[in-house]
N, C-alpha and C. Protein backbone atom coordinates (compact mmCIF):
# COMPACT_ATOMS: atom_id res chain seq x y z
N MET A 1 -11.04 37.44 -7.14
CA MET A 1 -9.84 36.53 -6.03
C MET A 1 -8.59 35.62 -6.47
N LYS A 2 -7.19 36.07 -6.17
CA LYS A 2 -6.06 35.50 -6.93
C LYS A 2 -6.15 33.94 -6.36
N LYS A 3 -5.85 33.02 -7.82
CA LYS A 3 -5.84 31.54 -6.93
C LYS A 3 -4.81 30.97 -6.44
N LEU A 4 -4.40 30.70 -5.75
CA LEU A 4 -3.15 30.02 -5.29
C LEU A 4 -2.62 28.89 -6.23
N SER A 5 -1.34 29.20 -6.08
CA SER A 5 -0.30 27.59 -6.81
C SER A 5 -0.45 26.69 -6.00
N ILE A 6 -0.82 25.16 -6.45
CA ILE A 6 -0.70 24.17 -5.90
C ILE A 6 0.46 24.42 -4.93
N ARG A 7 1.62 24.83 -4.94
CA ARG A 7 2.98 24.96 -4.01
C ARG A 7 2.62 26.01 -3.04
N ALA A 8 1.84 27.34 -3.42
CA ALA A 8 1.61 27.96 -2.60
C ALA A 8 0.46 27.47 -1.69
N ARG A 9 -0.48 26.42 -2.12
CA ARG A 9 -1.52 25.92 -0.99
C ARG A 9 -0.66 25.28 -0.16
N VAL A 10 0.04 24.57 -0.95
CA VAL A 10 0.79 23.40 -0.23
C VAL A 10 1.63 23.74 1.74
N LEU A 11 2.43 24.99 0.80
CA LEU A 11 3.06 25.72 1.72
C LEU A 11 2.23 26.22 3.01
N THR A 12 1.42 27.26 2.35
CA THR A 12 0.07 27.86 3.44
C THR A 12 -0.43 26.67 4.47
N GLY A 13 -0.65 25.63 3.31
CA GLY A 13 -1.62 24.52 4.74
C GLY A 13 -0.20 24.18 5.53
N ALA A 14 1.05 23.53 5.12
CA ALA A 14 1.90 23.18 6.00
C ALA A 14 2.17 24.29 7.31
N ALA A 15 2.15 25.82 6.82
CA ALA A 15 2.93 26.61 7.81
C ALA A 15 1.31 26.87 8.80
N ALA A 16 0.31 26.62 8.08
CA ALA A 16 -0.73 26.80 9.12
C ALA A 16 -0.88 25.62 9.88
N THR A 17 -0.21 24.35 9.92
CA THR A 17 -0.20 22.94 10.26
C THR A 17 0.64 23.12 11.27
N ALA A 18 1.72 23.92 11.25
CA ALA A 18 2.94 23.88 12.22
C ALA A 18 2.51 24.96 13.10
N VAL A 19 2.11 25.70 12.86
CA VAL A 19 1.53 26.81 14.08
C VAL A 19 0.45 25.92 14.63
N VAL A 20 -0.36 25.58 14.59
CA VAL A 20 -1.36 24.51 15.43
C VAL A 20 -1.19 23.39 16.09
N GLY A 21 -0.01 22.38 15.10
CA GLY A 21 0.23 21.71 15.91
C GLY A 21 -0.55 20.10 15.82
N GLY A 22 0.01 19.25 16.72
CA GLY A 22 -0.76 18.27 16.54
C GLY A 22 -0.41 16.50 16.34
N SER A 23 -1.26 15.99 16.34
CA SER A 23 -0.83 14.39 16.10
C SER A 23 -1.27 14.06 15.00
N VAL A 24 -0.99 12.80 14.39
CA VAL A 24 -0.84 12.03 12.88
C VAL A 24 -2.56 12.12 13.14
N LEU A 25 -3.47 11.31 14.27
CA LEU A 25 -5.15 11.55 13.93
C LEU A 25 -5.36 12.49 14.81
N GLY A 26 -6.59 13.46 14.48
CA GLY A 26 -7.42 14.05 15.53
C GLY A 26 -8.84 13.75 14.78
N VAL A 27 -9.27 14.24 16.49
CA VAL A 27 -10.62 13.65 16.50
C VAL A 27 -11.58 14.84 16.39
N ALA A 28 -12.63 14.39 15.68
CA ALA A 28 -13.49 15.61 15.36
C ALA A 28 -14.93 15.00 15.88
N THR A 29 -15.41 15.96 16.50
CA THR A 29 -17.29 15.51 17.39
C THR A 29 -17.98 16.26 16.28
N THR A 30 -19.22 15.57 15.84
CA THR A 30 -20.42 16.46 14.80
C THR A 30 -21.62 15.87 15.87
N ALA A 31 -21.67 17.01 16.29
CA ALA A 31 -23.63 17.14 16.71
C ALA A 31 -24.57 16.61 15.75
N THR A 32 -25.87 15.83 15.99
CA THR A 32 -26.55 15.68 14.86
C THR A 32 -28.14 15.98 15.20
N ALA A 33 -28.03 16.71 16.48
CA ALA A 33 -29.24 17.18 16.91
C ALA A 33 -29.88 18.41 16.29
N GLU A 34 -31.31 18.69 16.05
CA GLU A 34 -31.79 19.39 15.33
C GLU A 34 -31.78 20.85 15.99
N PRO A 35 -31.32 21.87 15.42
CA PRO A 35 -31.25 22.87 15.66
C PRO A 35 -32.09 23.49 16.22
N ALA A 36 -32.29 24.87 16.97
CA ALA A 36 -33.57 25.47 17.73
C ALA A 36 -33.58 26.33 16.58
N ALA A 37 -35.62 26.30 16.80
CA ALA A 37 -35.81 27.44 15.96
C ALA A 37 -35.63 28.74 16.00
N ALA A 38 -35.45 29.58 14.90
CA ALA A 38 -34.70 30.90 14.41
C ALA A 38 -35.42 31.54 15.48
N SER A 39 -37.07 31.49 15.09
CA SER A 39 -37.81 32.44 15.59
C SER A 39 -37.92 32.67 17.62
N ALA A 40 -37.90 31.20 17.63
CA ALA A 40 -37.88 31.17 19.34
C ALA A 40 -36.88 32.16 20.65
N PRO A 41 -37.51 32.92 20.81
CA PRO A 41 -37.02 34.19 21.81
C PRO A 41 -35.60 33.50 22.53
N ALA A 42 -34.76 34.34 22.95
CA ALA A 42 -33.78 33.43 23.83
C ALA A 42 -33.97 33.12 24.71
N ALA A 43 -34.79 34.01 25.73
CA ALA A 43 -35.47 33.43 27.11
C ALA A 43 -36.13 32.45 27.35
N ALA A 44 -36.71 31.77 26.06
CA ALA A 44 -37.74 30.61 26.39
C ALA A 44 -36.99 29.44 26.14
N ALA A 45 -35.50 29.64 26.08
CA ALA A 45 -34.56 28.45 25.81
C ALA A 45 -34.49 27.62 27.33
N PRO A 46 -34.66 26.12 27.16
CA PRO A 46 -34.57 25.54 28.77
C PRO A 46 -33.42 25.85 28.94
N ALA A 47 -33.37 25.83 30.66
CA ALA A 47 -32.18 25.67 31.48
C ALA A 47 -30.96 25.25 30.99
N LYS A 48 -31.23 23.84 31.17
CA LYS A 48 -29.94 22.94 30.33
C LYS A 48 -29.98 23.15 28.93
N ALA A 49 -28.99 23.87 28.64
CA ALA A 49 -28.37 23.51 27.38
C ALA A 49 -27.20 22.66 26.99
N GLY A 50 -27.15 21.83 25.77
CA GLY A 50 -26.35 21.07 25.39
C GLY A 50 -26.87 20.02 24.72
N VAL A 51 -26.02 19.53 24.13
CA VAL A 51 -26.34 18.01 23.47
C VAL A 51 -25.92 17.01 24.09
N GLY A 52 -27.26 15.89 24.49
CA GLY A 52 -26.52 14.71 24.81
C GLY A 52 -25.72 13.61 24.27
N GLY A 53 -25.13 12.74 24.83
CA GLY A 53 -24.08 12.10 24.40
C GLY A 53 -24.93 11.08 23.72
N LYS A 54 -25.84 10.88 23.29
CA LYS A 54 -26.57 9.95 22.23
C LYS A 54 -26.81 10.69 20.90
N ASP A 55 -26.40 12.12 20.78
CA ASP A 55 -26.89 12.43 19.65
C ASP A 55 -25.57 13.32 19.03
N LEU A 56 -24.42 12.22 19.41
CA LEU A 56 -23.14 12.38 18.88
C LEU A 56 -22.52 12.00 18.65
N THR A 57 -21.84 11.61 17.19
CA THR A 57 -20.89 10.90 16.90
C THR A 57 -19.61 11.32 16.72
N THR A 58 -18.34 10.32 16.97
CA THR A 58 -16.82 10.95 16.46
C THR A 58 -16.21 10.49 15.30
N THR A 59 -15.78 10.72 14.70
CA THR A 59 -14.59 10.37 13.44
C THR A 59 -13.68 11.02 13.79
N ARG A 60 -12.84 9.97 13.19
CA ARG A 60 -10.70 10.67 13.23
C ARG A 60 -10.51 10.94 11.62
N HIS A 61 -9.84 11.50 11.74
CA HIS A 61 -9.49 12.43 10.34
C HIS A 61 -7.67 12.82 10.65
N LEU A 62 -7.43 12.29 9.24
CA LEU A 62 -5.52 12.79 9.22
C LEU A 62 -5.35 14.55 9.58
N THR A 63 -4.35 14.77 10.38
CA THR A 63 -4.07 16.15 10.18
C THR A 63 -3.49 16.43 8.74
N ASP A 64 -3.37 17.55 8.77
CA ASP A 64 -2.89 18.38 7.40
C ASP A 64 -1.65 18.00 7.49
N ASP A 65 -0.69 17.44 7.98
CA ASP A 65 0.91 17.60 7.88
C ASP A 65 1.13 15.76 7.88
N ALA A 66 -0.02 15.06 8.13
CA ALA A 66 -0.38 13.57 8.12
C ALA A 66 -0.48 13.53 6.56
N ALA A 67 -1.45 13.81 6.18
CA ALA A 67 -1.99 14.19 4.91
C ALA A 67 -0.85 14.78 3.67
N LEU A 68 -0.18 15.83 4.36
CA LEU A 68 0.82 15.99 3.17
C LEU A 68 1.89 15.33 3.05
N GLU A 69 2.28 14.48 4.09
CA GLU A 69 3.62 13.38 4.48
C GLU A 69 2.73 12.20 3.57
N ALA A 70 1.94 11.70 3.72
CA ALA A 70 1.20 11.01 2.69
C ALA A 70 1.34 11.34 0.82
N ALA A 71 1.16 12.40 1.04
CA ALA A 71 1.19 13.00 -0.67
C ALA A 71 2.26 12.96 -1.05
N GLN A 72 3.48 13.11 -0.26
CA GLN A 72 4.88 13.05 -0.66
C GLN A 72 5.30 12.10 -0.81
N ALA A 73 5.02 10.76 -0.18
CA ALA A 73 5.26 9.50 0.09
C ALA A 73 5.24 9.20 -1.32
N ALA A 74 3.77 9.07 -1.66
CA ALA A 74 3.66 8.79 -3.01
C ALA A 74 4.30 9.23 -3.87
N MET A 75 4.45 10.69 -4.07
CA MET A 75 5.11 11.50 -5.30
C MET A 75 6.25 10.80 -5.19
N LYS A 76 7.05 10.63 -4.38
CA LYS A 76 8.39 10.53 -4.12
C LYS A 76 8.68 8.77 -4.48
N ALA A 77 7.94 7.67 -4.55
CA ALA A 77 7.61 6.63 -5.13
C ALA A 77 7.34 6.94 -6.52
N ALA A 78 6.67 7.56 -7.00
CA ALA A 78 6.06 7.64 -8.19
C ALA A 78 7.75 8.29 -9.24
N GLU A 79 8.67 9.29 -8.47
CA GLU A 79 9.11 10.18 -9.09
C GLU A 79 10.79 9.05 -9.37
N LYS A 80 10.84 8.29 -8.08
CA LYS A 80 11.74 7.17 -7.95
C LYS A 80 11.84 6.40 -9.27
N ASP A 81 10.45 6.17 -9.60
CA ASP A 81 10.55 5.15 -10.86
C ASP A 81 10.31 6.07 -12.23
N GLY A 82 10.28 7.27 -12.45
CA GLY A 82 10.53 8.30 -13.20
C GLY A 82 9.34 8.61 -14.04
N GLN A 83 8.41 8.73 -13.05
CA GLN A 83 6.94 8.73 -13.37
C GLN A 83 6.63 10.01 -13.15
N ARG A 84 5.73 10.89 -14.02
CA ARG A 84 4.85 11.83 -13.73
C ARG A 84 3.51 11.97 -13.47
N VAL A 85 2.95 12.23 -12.33
CA VAL A 85 1.93 11.87 -11.63
C VAL A 85 1.10 13.21 -10.65
N SER A 86 0.25 13.00 -10.51
CA SER A 86 -0.55 14.29 -9.77
C SER A 86 -0.94 13.21 -8.06
N VAL A 87 -1.11 13.34 -7.23
CA VAL A 87 -1.11 12.81 -5.77
C VAL A 87 -2.38 13.48 -5.28
N ALA A 88 -3.43 13.45 -4.66
CA ALA A 88 -4.42 13.56 -4.00
C ALA A 88 -4.81 12.95 -2.80
N VAL A 89 -4.72 13.86 -1.55
CA VAL A 89 -5.65 13.09 -0.44
C VAL A 89 -6.91 13.79 -0.07
N VAL A 90 -7.57 12.98 0.30
CA VAL A 90 -9.25 13.53 0.80
C VAL A 90 -9.23 12.76 2.25
N ASP A 91 -10.36 13.88 3.01
CA ASP A 91 -10.84 12.99 4.14
C ASP A 91 -11.22 12.30 3.66
N ARG A 92 -12.31 11.55 5.21
CA ARG A 92 -13.04 10.86 5.57
C ARG A 92 -14.55 11.59 4.43
N ASN A 93 -14.77 12.39 4.41
CA ASN A 93 -15.83 13.03 3.71
C ASN A 93 -15.35 12.81 2.56
N GLY A 94 -14.47 12.99 1.81
CA GLY A 94 -14.24 13.71 0.65
C GLY A 94 -13.75 14.74 0.00
N ASN A 95 -13.29 15.42 0.98
CA ASN A 95 -12.99 17.09 0.69
C ASN A 95 -11.50 16.70 0.53
N THR A 96 -10.94 17.91 -0.35
CA THR A 96 -9.94 17.37 -0.80
C THR A 96 -9.12 18.15 0.62
N VAL A 97 -8.23 17.84 1.06
CA VAL A 97 -6.74 17.90 1.98
C VAL A 97 -5.42 18.39 1.25
N VAL A 98 -4.95 17.71 0.43
CA VAL A 98 -3.42 17.97 -0.24
C VAL A 98 -4.01 17.71 -1.63
N THR A 99 -3.73 18.12 -2.29
CA THR A 99 -3.26 17.82 -4.04
C THR A 99 -1.59 18.18 -4.37
N LEU A 100 -0.71 16.94 -5.12
CA LEU A 100 0.49 17.78 -5.24
C LEU A 100 0.28 17.10 -7.18
N ARG A 101 0.82 18.41 -7.82
CA ARG A 101 1.15 17.70 -9.25
C ARG A 101 2.16 17.80 -9.83
N GLY A 102 2.71 16.66 -9.98
CA GLY A 102 4.41 16.43 -10.12
C GLY A 102 4.72 17.82 -11.13
N ASP A 103 5.77 17.60 -11.93
CA ASP A 103 6.42 18.34 -13.03
C ASP A 103 6.51 17.36 -13.81
N GLY A 104 5.88 17.85 -15.01
CA GLY A 104 5.23 17.14 -16.41
C GLY A 104 4.35 16.14 -16.01
N ALA A 105 3.36 16.08 -15.29
CA ALA A 105 2.16 15.30 -15.21
C ALA A 105 1.15 15.69 -15.90
N GLY A 106 0.30 15.28 -16.57
CA GLY A 106 -0.88 15.81 -18.10
C GLY A 106 -1.88 16.38 -16.97
N PRO A 107 -2.66 17.29 -17.33
CA PRO A 107 -3.72 17.82 -17.21
C PRO A 107 -4.90 17.49 -16.27
N GLN A 108 -4.95 16.20 -17.15
CA GLN A 108 -5.89 15.35 -16.38
C GLN A 108 -5.65 14.90 -15.47
N SER A 109 -4.29 14.16 -15.27
CA SER A 109 -3.93 13.67 -13.57
C SER A 109 -4.73 14.31 -12.71
N TYR A 110 -4.48 15.63 -12.40
CA TYR A 110 -4.92 16.16 -11.13
C TYR A 110 -6.45 15.69 -10.59
N GLU A 111 -7.32 16.09 -11.81
CA GLU A 111 -8.73 15.44 -11.57
C GLU A 111 -8.83 14.16 -10.94
N SER A 112 -8.44 13.63 -11.90
CA SER A 112 -8.31 12.01 -11.60
C SER A 112 -7.61 11.49 -10.05
N ALA A 113 -6.90 12.01 -9.82
CA ALA A 113 -6.48 11.92 -8.52
C ALA A 113 -6.90 12.22 -7.69
N GLU A 114 -7.77 13.17 -7.30
CA GLU A 114 -8.66 13.83 -6.46
C GLU A 114 -10.12 12.33 -6.86
N ARG A 115 -10.41 12.10 -8.06
CA ARG A 115 -11.85 11.48 -7.92
C ARG A 115 -11.25 9.97 -7.39
N LYS A 116 -10.29 9.50 -7.95
CA LYS A 116 -9.70 7.88 -7.09
C LYS A 116 -9.13 8.11 -5.77
N ALA A 117 -8.98 9.06 -5.45
CA ALA A 117 -9.13 9.50 -3.77
C ALA A 117 -10.62 8.96 -3.05
N TYR A 118 -11.53 10.07 -4.02
CA TYR A 118 -12.40 9.91 -3.39
C TYR A 118 -13.23 8.37 -3.42
N THR A 119 -13.13 7.91 -4.36
CA THR A 119 -13.65 6.63 -4.45
C THR A 119 -13.08 5.93 -3.87
N ALA A 120 -11.91 5.98 -3.16
CA ALA A 120 -11.44 4.64 -2.17
C ALA A 120 -11.86 5.10 -1.08
N VAL A 121 -11.93 6.00 -0.23
CA VAL A 121 -12.34 6.94 1.16
C VAL A 121 -13.89 5.95 0.78
N SER A 122 -15.13 6.16 0.02
CA SER A 122 -15.99 6.16 -0.33
C SER A 122 -16.59 4.96 -0.24
N TRP A 123 -15.83 4.12 -0.39
CA TRP A 123 -16.11 2.60 -0.53
C TRP A 123 -15.00 1.90 0.43
N ASN A 124 -14.15 2.66 1.19
CA ASN A 124 -13.03 2.13 1.98
C ASN A 124 -12.47 0.65 1.33
N ALA A 125 -12.00 0.41 0.15
CA ALA A 125 -11.70 -0.36 -0.78
C ALA A 125 -9.97 0.61 -1.95
N PRO A 126 -9.16 0.09 -2.33
CA PRO A 126 -8.82 0.16 -3.33
C PRO A 126 -9.48 0.17 -4.69
N THR A 127 -9.22 1.17 -5.54
CA THR A 127 -10.00 1.25 -6.82
C THR A 127 -10.28 0.21 -7.37
N SER A 128 -8.67 -0.26 -7.47
CA SER A 128 -8.75 -1.39 -8.44
C SER A 128 -9.32 -2.81 -8.13
N ASP A 129 -10.10 -2.88 -6.77
CA ASP A 129 -10.81 -3.83 -6.20
C ASP A 129 -12.91 -3.53 -7.03
N LEU A 130 -12.80 -1.91 -7.31
CA LEU A 130 -14.30 -1.55 -7.33
C LEU A 130 -14.14 -1.35 -8.60
N VAL A 131 -13.46 -1.82 -9.44
CA VAL A 131 -13.85 -1.83 -11.46
C VAL A 131 -14.03 -2.82 -11.41
N GLU A 132 -13.88 -4.09 -10.05
CA GLU A 132 -14.62 -5.60 -10.85
C GLU A 132 -16.33 -5.26 -10.37
N ARG A 133 -16.13 -4.47 -9.81
CA ARG A 133 -17.98 -4.18 -9.44
C ARG A 133 -18.79 -3.65 -10.13
N LEU A 134 -17.88 -3.33 -11.36
CA LEU A 134 -18.87 -2.41 -12.32
C LEU A 134 -19.66 -3.30 -13.37
N ASP A 135 -18.90 -4.53 -13.13
CA ASP A 135 -19.64 -5.71 -14.02
C ASP A 135 -21.01 -6.20 -13.52
N ASP A 136 -21.42 -6.37 -12.64
CA ASP A 136 -22.22 -6.57 -11.48
C ASP A 136 -23.37 -5.30 -11.43
N ALA A 137 -22.81 -3.99 -10.97
CA ALA A 137 -23.59 -2.43 -11.24
C ALA A 137 -22.67 -1.87 -12.08
N PRO A 138 -23.05 -1.29 -13.25
CA PRO A 138 -22.16 -0.89 -14.13
C PRO A 138 -22.78 0.92 -14.03
N THR A 139 -24.00 0.98 -13.01
CA THR A 139 -24.27 2.29 -13.03
C THR A 139 -23.68 3.00 -11.93
N LEU A 140 -22.84 2.42 -11.09
CA LEU A 140 -21.78 2.73 -10.06
C LEU A 140 -21.01 4.00 -10.62
N LYS A 141 -20.44 3.59 -11.73
CA LYS A 141 -19.82 4.89 -12.23
C LYS A 141 -20.60 5.86 -13.09
N ASP A 142 -21.64 6.04 -12.27
CA ASP A 142 -22.34 7.32 -12.84
C ASP A 142 -22.58 8.26 -11.22
N ILE A 143 -21.71 8.03 -10.44
CA ILE A 143 -21.56 8.43 -9.25
C ILE A 143 -20.99 9.77 -9.28
N PRO A 144 -21.67 10.51 -9.25
CA PRO A 144 -21.14 11.71 -9.13
C PRO A 144 -19.27 12.08 -8.22
N GLY A 145 -18.46 12.38 -8.64
CA GLY A 145 -17.31 12.55 -8.25
C GLY A 145 -16.23 11.32 -8.03
N THR A 146 -16.79 10.25 -8.32
CA THR A 146 -15.73 9.09 -8.51
C THR A 146 -15.17 8.67 -9.88
N LEU A 147 -14.53 7.85 -9.57
CA LEU A 147 -13.66 7.09 -10.89
C LEU A 147 -13.19 6.21 -10.57
N PHE A 148 -13.72 4.86 -11.31
CA PHE A 148 -13.51 3.55 -11.18
C PHE A 148 -12.36 3.15 -12.06
N LEU A 149 -11.07 3.28 -11.61
CA LEU A 149 -9.54 3.21 -12.39
C LEU A 149 -9.03 2.90 -11.32
N ALA A 150 -7.64 1.96 -11.73
CA ALA A 150 -7.23 1.52 -10.22
C ALA A 150 -6.06 2.32 -10.08
N GLY A 151 -6.02 2.90 -8.33
CA GLY A 151 -5.03 4.03 -8.47
C GLY A 151 -5.56 4.91 -7.30
N GLY A 152 -6.24 4.21 -6.47
CA GLY A 152 -6.52 4.97 -5.32
C GLY A 152 -6.82 4.10 -4.19
N ALA A 153 -6.29 4.19 -2.67
CA ALA A 153 -6.19 3.39 -1.57
C ALA A 153 -6.70 4.05 -0.36
N PRO A 154 -7.71 3.54 0.29
CA PRO A 154 -8.24 3.82 1.40
C PRO A 154 -7.20 4.10 2.19
N VAL A 155 -7.16 5.09 3.43
CA VAL A 155 -6.53 5.14 4.90
C VAL A 155 -7.26 4.69 5.91
N GLN A 156 -6.93 3.96 6.63
CA GLN A 156 -7.96 3.21 7.85
C GLN A 156 -7.52 3.31 9.24
N ALA A 157 -8.16 3.14 9.97
CA ALA A 157 -7.95 3.69 11.48
C ALA A 157 -8.87 2.26 12.36
N ASN A 158 -8.62 1.32 13.16
CA ASN A 158 -9.70 0.53 13.33
C ASN A 158 -10.38 0.01 12.21
N ASP A 159 -9.91 -0.39 11.45
CA ASP A 159 -10.62 -0.84 9.86
C ASP A 159 -11.64 0.06 9.33
N ALA A 160 -12.11 1.14 9.77
CA ALA A 160 -12.76 2.60 9.43
C ALA A 160 -12.19 3.45 8.58
N PRO A 161 -12.55 3.51 7.24
CA PRO A 161 -11.84 4.68 6.45
C PRO A 161 -11.83 6.53 7.15
N ILE A 162 -10.76 6.73 7.16
CA ILE A 162 -10.59 7.97 7.65
C ILE A 162 -10.08 8.92 6.81
N ALA A 163 -9.16 8.65 5.27
CA ALA A 163 -9.01 9.38 4.49
C ALA A 163 -8.72 8.20 2.88
N GLY A 164 -8.60 8.91 2.00
CA GLY A 164 -8.35 8.52 0.65
C GLY A 164 -7.29 8.82 -0.22
N ILE A 165 -5.74 7.97 -0.49
CA ILE A 165 -5.11 8.71 -1.41
C ILE A 165 -5.30 8.20 -2.95
N GLY A 166 -5.11 9.18 -4.13
CA GLY A 166 -5.37 9.05 -5.40
C GLY A 166 -3.84 9.26 -6.51
N VAL A 167 -3.74 8.27 -6.78
CA VAL A 167 -2.40 8.72 -8.03
C VAL A 167 -3.21 8.62 -9.30
N ALA A 168 -2.62 9.48 -10.32
CA ALA A 168 -2.90 9.40 -11.28
C ALA A 168 -1.70 10.23 -12.77
N GLY A 169 -1.62 9.65 -13.76
CA GLY A 169 -0.87 9.95 -14.21
C GLY A 169 0.32 8.89 -14.58
N ALA A 170 0.66 7.78 -14.12
CA ALA A 170 1.59 7.00 -14.70
C ALA A 170 0.98 5.72 -16.01
N PRO A 171 1.75 5.29 -16.71
CA PRO A 171 1.10 4.57 -17.48
C PRO A 171 0.41 3.57 -17.07
N SER A 172 0.20 3.10 -15.99
CA SER A 172 -0.89 1.95 -15.81
C SER A 172 -1.52 2.29 -14.33
N GLY A 173 -3.04 1.65 -14.39
CA GLY A 173 -3.20 1.59 -12.86
C GLY A 173 -2.82 1.57 -11.87
N ALA A 174 -1.87 -0.07 -12.30
CA ALA A 174 -1.52 -0.52 -11.29
C ALA A 174 -0.13 0.05 -10.48
N GLN A 175 0.30 0.80 -11.18
CA GLN A 175 1.42 1.55 -10.75
C GLN A 175 0.94 2.45 -10.00
N ASP A 176 -0.24 3.43 -10.76
CA ASP A 176 -0.89 4.64 -9.63
C ASP A 176 -1.52 3.85 -8.09
N GLU A 177 -1.92 2.76 -8.11
CA GLU A 177 -2.26 2.38 -6.82
C GLU A 177 -0.73 1.62 -6.11
N ALA A 178 0.22 1.64 -6.60
CA ALA A 178 1.12 1.10 -5.56
C ALA A 178 1.81 2.40 -5.38
N TYR A 179 1.80 3.61 -5.83
CA TYR A 179 2.19 4.43 -5.27
C TYR A 179 1.75 5.12 -4.29
N ALA A 180 -0.16 5.33 -4.36
CA ALA A 180 -1.17 5.38 -3.38
C ALA A 180 -0.80 4.82 -2.55
N GLU A 181 -0.60 3.26 -2.74
CA GLU A 181 -0.28 2.59 -1.28
C GLU A 181 1.35 2.48 -0.49
N ALA A 182 1.94 3.48 -1.18
CA ALA A 182 3.55 4.18 -0.76
C ALA A 182 3.15 5.50 -0.02
N GLY A 183 2.21 6.04 -0.31
CA GLY A 183 1.46 7.09 0.70
C GLY A 183 0.87 6.70 2.11
N VAL A 184 0.11 5.34 1.75
CA VAL A 184 -0.47 4.95 3.07
C VAL A 184 0.61 5.02 3.75
N ALA A 185 1.54 3.65 3.31
CA ALA A 185 2.48 2.77 3.97
C ALA A 185 3.26 4.27 4.75
N ALA A 186 3.34 5.13 4.38
CA ALA A 186 4.22 6.06 5.38
C ALA A 186 3.38 5.98 6.22
N LEU A 187 2.12 6.23 6.25
CA LEU A 187 1.49 6.71 7.43
C LEU A 187 1.91 5.32 8.83
N ASP A 188 1.69 4.52 8.40
CA ASP A 188 1.69 3.23 8.94
C ASP A 188 3.44 2.94 9.38
N ARG A 189 3.40 4.22 10.60
CA ARG A 189 4.91 3.84 10.86
C ARG A 189 4.86 3.53 12.89
């Protein structure tokens, strides 16, 4: 299977989003009920099918368009300062939605940006704040997929995390985090 370039993935995602459309924030509903037993015959199913409201949760997620907008804003802020970075946006579940690798960005920056975004959304805090927690709980850094370096910022709706933006590649974590915050600010319109 041929692996698509970042540009091709971004363009493909943007095209799909243009077709589907939608608002900046989408709502997804997840059922938490037990699945029916596979061996039970279909005729034995209860007359009333469905899941009651008490068995559902609702979460908010950025649309693809919003994630792309945030990533582009972060990249633009870095480029304005002459920095070569990678930017990642992950959803509430830590799944990567968008990644952009700037021209000349180091090879380590791509994965670092994703891990910073994942860390920010997981703890609903800027990764610079989380670095300080390592003094009291040094094993936090051992959690798979996390990176406790400045450069990640959570995206919130009603004080709940809905996404994370990570930036990596600038000479300092403070710069990376400022660019991630520029991505968050682009969503606060």
